[in-house]
Amino acid sequence: MKSMDNAYSVEVNDLTKKFGRFVAVDHISFYVQDGEIFGFLGANGAGKTTTIRMLCGLIRPTSGQGRVEGLDIFTQTEAIKQDIGYMSQKFSLYDDLTVEENLVFYGGIYGMPSSELSLACEAVIQRMDLVSQVKKLTRSLPAGWKQRLALSCAILHQPKILFLDEPTGGVDPISRRAFWDAIHQLAEGGTTIFVTTHYMDEAEYCNRLSIMHEGRIIALGSPMELKDRYQQPTVEQVFIDLVKPAKA
């Protein structure tokens, strides 16, 4: 891990989160470079969501250090919330609002002035191909369209870093691939992407990834580096080998 004095999109050193006696995140350290797609791969309960919620200023760490876009995750949580884009596991959309109304609502949450908001909504509707859906109630949308809308709400204010917490759960493979195409376009435009997933094929789309198990980072590197290091043909096989129980 590099020094906390260096500028990265995300810097974490010895970060820990305990819930009573349970250690959900156990002294993890890593950094995320500007403009990269950084993946957190792990099974449910590995500590991925807890980590992302600490970085987004939603829960307070027990100990350690962390910065997001230079902001301290202990003392500057409100500033972090305004500076990032965040898409949670469950779509945090309002079903009784239209697509357009959801965008306007989230723009208001981010404090965007009305003149700027109108242009931003128009731009993201075009970018995410939502033109045919803008007047539809969100509850009527298939899961793939809801996913696209949730991403649109998260990037409306053009954040420098986008946090995605298992964003493709419950959508079909075609929608998942289209979603990742959009993610790569955002990264190519300079947005840093931090994504958690338990889908092994999605890990291959990341520039670098960490494999998390029982609250700890047990491997870190690019997909190719990890496959070479552990002499396996896929990230999935690397993961299986690393987390399988030791034989008695």
Protein backbone atom coordinates (compact mmCIF):
# COMPACT_ATOMS: atom_id res chain seq x y z
CA MET A 1 0.00 0.00 0.00
CA LYS A 2 1.23 3.45 -0.88
CA SER A 3 1.36 6.36 1.50
CA MET A 4 -1.84 8.05 2.62
CA ASP A 5 -0.17 11.30 1.55
CA ASN A 6 -0.35 10.33 -2.14
CA ALA A 7 -3.37 11.31 -4.20
CA TYR A 8 -5.69 8.45 -5.18
CA SER A 9 -9.42 8.26 -5.67
CA VAL A 10 -9.61 5.89 -2.69
CA GLU A 11 -6.98 5.23 -0.01
CA VAL A 12 -7.56 2.71 2.77
CA ASN A 13 -5.15 1.66 5.49
CA ASP A 14 -5.86 -0.95 8.17
CA LEU A 15 -9.62 -0.30 7.93
CA THR A 16 -11.74 -2.30 10.37
CA LYS A 17 -15.44 -2.53 11.18
CA LYS A 18 -16.83 -4.50 14.10
CA PHE A 19 -20.45 -5.12 15.05
CA GLY A 20 -20.17 -6.15 18.67
CA ARG A 21 -17.78 -9.10 18.70
CA PHE A 22 -18.26 -9.80 15.00
CA VAL A 23 -15.48 -8.46 12.74
CA ALA A 24 -17.13 -7.65 9.41
CA VAL A 25 -14.07 -5.95 7.89
CA ASP A 26 -10.70 -7.00 9.26
CA HIS A 27 -7.78 -4.57 8.85
CA ILE A 28 -7.85 -4.13 5.07
CA SER A 29 -5.55 -1.86 3.05
CA PHE A 30 -5.68 -0.89 -0.62
CA TYR A 31 -5.81 2.07 -2.98
CA VAL A 32 -7.77 2.88 -6.14
CA GLN A 33 -6.21 4.91 -8.91
CA ASP A 34 -8.03 7.69 -10.75
CA GLY A 35 -10.05 6.42 -13.70
CA GLU A 36 -9.72 2.70 -13.05
CA ILE A 37 -12.41 0.07 -12.60
CA PHE A 38 -11.64 -1.52 -9.24
CA GLY A 39 -13.57 -4.62 -8.23
CA PHE A 40 -14.33 -6.16 -4.87
CA LEU A 41 -15.03 -9.86 -5.47
CA GLY A 42 -16.39 -12.13 -2.78
CA ALA A 43 -19.27 -14.28 -1.62
CA ASN A 44 -22.20 -12.82 0.28
CA GLY A 45 -21.09 -11.93 3.80
CA ALA A 46 -17.44 -11.41 2.82
CA GLY A 47 -17.49 -7.76 3.94
CA LYS A 48 -17.84 -6.06 0.55
CA THR A 49 -20.98 -4.07 1.28
CA THR A 50 -19.74 -3.03 4.72
CA THR A 51 -16.56 -1.71 3.13
CA ILE A 52 -18.39 0.25 0.46
CA ARG A 53 -20.78 1.73 3.02
CA MET A 54 -17.85 2.94 5.09
CA LEU A 55 -16.26 4.55 2.03
CA CYS A 56 -19.54 6.25 1.13
CA GLY A 57 -19.89 7.77 4.59
CA LEU A 58 -22.95 5.67 5.46
CA ILE A 59 -21.47 3.83 8.45
CA ARG A 60 -18.57 4.76 10.70
CA PRO A 61 -15.48 2.52 10.74
CA THR A 62 -14.27 1.07 14.03
CA SER A 63 -10.62 1.87 13.29
CA GLY A 64 -8.09 2.47 10.56
CA GLN A 65 -7.80 5.22 7.95
CA GLY A 66 -9.57 6.01 4.71
CA ARG A 67 -9.96 8.81 2.19
CA VAL A 68 -12.27 9.19 -0.80
CA GLU A 69 -11.25 11.90 -3.26
CA GLY A 70 -9.06 13.29 -0.48
CA LEU A 71 -11.93 13.41 2.05
CA ASP A 72 -11.64 11.63 5.39
CA ILE A 73 -14.21 8.86 5.91
CA PHE A 74 -14.34 9.59 9.65
CA THR A 75 -14.71 13.36 9.68
CA GLN A 76 -15.96 14.44 6.23
CA THR A 77 -18.80 12.03 5.53
CA GLU A 78 -21.32 14.66 4.41
CA ALA A 79 -18.86 16.08 1.90
CA ILE A 80 -18.17 12.57 0.60
CA LYS A 81 -21.89 11.91 0.05
CA GLN A 82 -22.13 15.01 -2.12
CA ASP A 83 -18.98 14.18 -4.07
CA ILE A 84 -19.67 10.59 -5.10
CA GLY A 85 -22.18 8.56 -7.06
CA TYR A 86 -23.66 5.54 -5.27
CA MET A 87 -25.82 2.70 -6.52
CA SER A 88 -26.89 0.19 -3.88
CA GLN A 89 -27.73 -3.52 -4.11
CA LYS A 90 -31.43 -2.77 -4.03
CA PHE A 91 -32.75 -0.13 -6.40
CA SER A 92 -33.35 2.96 -4.26
CA LEU A 93 -35.85 4.39 -6.71
CA TYR A 94 -39.35 5.68 -6.05
CA ASP A 95 -41.85 3.38 -7.77
CA ASP A 96 -44.64 5.97 -7.75
CA LEU A 97 -42.52 8.50 -9.67
CA THR A 98 -41.80 8.48 -13.38
CA VAL A 99 -38.31 7.99 -14.75
CA GLU A 100 -38.00 11.74 -15.29
CA GLU A 101 -39.31 12.55 -11.81
CA ASN A 102 -36.80 10.19 -10.19
CA LEU A 103 -33.97 11.95 -12.01
CA VAL A 104 -35.20 15.37 -10.92
CA PHE A 105 -35.60 14.16 -7.34
CA TYR A 106 -32.07 12.79 -7.13
CA GLY A 107 -30.67 15.90 -8.76
CA GLY A 108 -32.28 17.87 -5.96
CA ILE A 109 -30.69 15.61 -3.35
CA TYR A 110 -27.30 16.43 -4.85
CA GLY A 111 -28.10 20.14 -4.65
CA MET A 112 -28.05 20.79 -8.37
CA PRO A 113 -29.55 24.18 -9.39
CA SER A 114 -32.67 23.90 -11.56
CA SER A 115 -31.02 25.28 -14.71
CA GLU A 116 -28.13 22.83 -14.44
CA LEU A 117 -30.44 19.97 -13.46
CA SER A 118 -32.61 20.30 -16.56
CA LEU A 119 -29.61 20.04 -18.87
CA ALA A 120 -28.11 17.17 -16.86
CA CYS A 121 -31.37 15.19 -17.00
CA GLU A 122 -31.63 15.66 -20.74
CA ALA A 123 -28.02 14.58 -21.21
CA VAL A 124 -28.27 11.44 -19.09
CA ILE A 125 -31.60 10.43 -20.66
CA GLN A 126 -29.93 10.54 -24.06
CA ARG A 127 -26.74 8.86 -22.86
CA MET A 128 -28.55 5.97 -21.18
CA ASP A 129 -31.15 5.61 -23.96
CA LEU A 130 -34.07 6.38 -21.62
CA VAL A 131 -35.99 8.60 -24.08
CA SER A 132 -38.75 6.05 -24.59
CA GLN A 133 -39.17 5.53 -20.83
CA VAL A 134 -39.16 9.05 -19.36
CA LYS A 135 -42.91 9.31 -18.71
CA LYS A 136 -43.38 5.77 -17.43
CA LEU A 137 -43.87 5.01 -13.75
CA THR A 138 -40.80 3.33 -12.35
CA ARG A 139 -42.82 0.44 -10.96
CA SER A 140 -43.77 -0.56 -14.50
CA LEU A 141 -40.17 -0.92 -15.70
CA PRO A 142 -38.44 -4.31 -16.13
CA ALA A 143 -35.40 -4.90 -13.92
CA GLY A 144 -32.94 -3.99 -16.68
CA TRP A 145 -34.52 -0.57 -17.22
CA LYS A 146 -34.67 0.05 -13.45
CA GLN A 147 -30.97 -0.75 -13.28
CA ARG A 148 -30.29 1.73 -16.09
CA LEU A 149 -32.32 4.39 -14.31
CA ALA A 150 -30.54 3.78 -11.00
CA LEU A 151 -27.19 4.24 -12.73
CA SER A 152 -28.49 7.41 -14.38
CA CYS A 153 -29.47 8.84 -11.00
CA ALA A 154 -26.02 8.00 -9.61
CA ILE A 155 -24.12 9.77 -12.42
CA LEU A 156 -26.48 12.72 -12.90
CA HIS A 157 -24.20 15.15 -11.04
CA GLN A 158 -21.10 13.83 -12.85
CA PRO A 159 -19.24 12.45 -9.83
CA LYS A 160 -15.52 11.78 -10.04
CA ILE A 161 -16.00 8.37 -8.44
CA LEU A 162 -18.91 5.96 -8.71
CA PHE A 163 -19.60 3.26 -6.11
CA LEU A 164 -21.64 0.30 -7.33
CA ASP A 165 -22.69 -2.30 -4.77
CA GLU A 166 -23.58 -5.54 -6.59
CA PRO A 167 -25.43 -3.51 -9.22
CA THR A 168 -26.34 -6.34 -11.59
CA GLY A 169 -28.15 -8.66 -9.21
CA GLY A 170 -31.48 -9.89 -10.53
CA VAL A 171 -31.09 -8.72 -14.13
CA ASP A 172 -30.73 -10.83 -17.25
CA PRO A 173 -27.35 -11.51 -18.91
CA ILE A 174 -28.03 -9.13 -21.82
CA SER A 175 -28.84 -6.27 -19.43
CA ARG A 176 -25.75 -7.12 -17.37
CA ARG A 177 -23.53 -6.87 -20.43
CA ALA A 178 -25.14 -3.58 -21.51
CA PHE A 179 -24.60 -2.25 -18.00
CA TRP A 180 -20.89 -3.10 -18.14
CA ASP A 181 -20.58 -1.45 -21.53
CA ALA A 182 -21.90 1.73 -19.90
CA ILE A 183 -19.45 1.35 -17.01
CA HIS A 184 -16.50 1.08 -19.39
CA GLN A 185 -17.66 4.19 -21.23
CA LEU A 186 -17.77 6.10 -17.93
CA ALA A 187 -14.27 4.90 -17.02
CA GLU A 188 -12.95 5.89 -20.44
CA GLY A 189 -14.36 9.36 -19.74
CA GLY A 190 -12.31 9.59 -16.52
CA THR A 191 -14.77 8.37 -13.88
CA THR A 192 -13.30 6.07 -11.24
CA ILE A 193 -15.47 2.97 -10.72
CA PHE A 194 -15.53 0.98 -7.48
CA VAL A 195 -17.76 -2.07 -7.87
CA THR A 196 -18.59 -5.03 -5.64
CA THR A 197 -19.77 -8.27 -7.18
CA HIS A 198 -20.09 -11.98 -6.58
CA TYR A 199 -20.34 -12.71 -10.30
CA MET A 200 -17.02 -14.22 -11.35
CA ASP A 201 -17.31 -13.21 -15.00
CA GLU A 202 -17.74 -9.56 -14.00
CA ALA A 203 -14.42 -9.63 -12.17
CA GLU A 204 -12.75 -10.11 -15.57
CA TYR A 205 -14.06 -6.68 -16.65
CA CYS A 206 -12.12 -4.85 -13.91
CA ASN A 207 -8.70 -3.23 -14.30
CA ARG A 208 -7.79 -4.48 -10.82
CA LEU A 209 -9.70 -6.40 -8.21
CA SER A 210 -9.42 -7.62 -4.67
CA ILE A 211 -10.76 -10.95 -3.52
CA MET A 212 -12.38 -10.67 -0.12
CA HIS A 213 -13.11 -13.55 2.25
CA GLU A 214 -14.36 -13.43 5.84
CA GLY A 215 -13.64 -9.71 6.12
CA ARG A 216 -10.10 -9.84 4.78
CA ILE A 217 -8.49 -9.14 1.41
CA ILE A 218 -6.81 -12.39 0.44
CA ALA A 219 -5.64 -11.42 -3.07
CA LEU A 220 -5.18 -8.18 -4.98
CA GLY A 221 -4.16 -7.45 -8.58
CA SER A 222 -5.34 -7.32 -12.16
CA PRO A 223 -7.32 -10.35 -13.40
CA MET A 224 -4.35 -11.39 -15.53
CA GLU A 225 -1.91 -10.98 -12.64
CA LEU A 226 -4.08 -13.12 -10.36
CA LYS A 227 -4.50 -15.84 -12.97
CA ASP A 228 -0.75 -15.89 -13.58
CA ARG A 229 0.10 -15.80 -9.87
CA TYR A 230 -2.16 -18.73 -9.00
CA GLN A 231 -1.72 -20.52 -12.34
CA GLN A 232 -5.42 -20.73 -13.12
CA PRO A 233 -7.29 -20.05 -16.39
CA THR A 234 -10.07 -17.91 -14.86
CA VAL A 235 -10.66 -15.58 -11.92
CA GLU A 236 -13.42 -17.96 -10.85
CA GLN A 237 -10.92 -20.78 -10.42
CA VAL A 238 -8.55 -18.47 -8.55
CA PHE A 239 -11.38 -17.57 -6.19
CA ILE A 240 -12.40 -21.19 -5.64
CA ASP A 241 -8.85 -22.25 -4.87
CA LEU A 242 -8.30 -19.39 -2.43
CA VAL A 243 -11.49 -19.82 -0.40
CA LYS A 244 -11.96 -23.60 -0.42
CA PRO A 245 -11.64 -25.15 3.04
CA ALA A 246 -8.31 -26.74 3.83
CA LYS A 247 -8.33 -30.54 3.89
CA ALA A 248 -8.05 -32.13 7.31
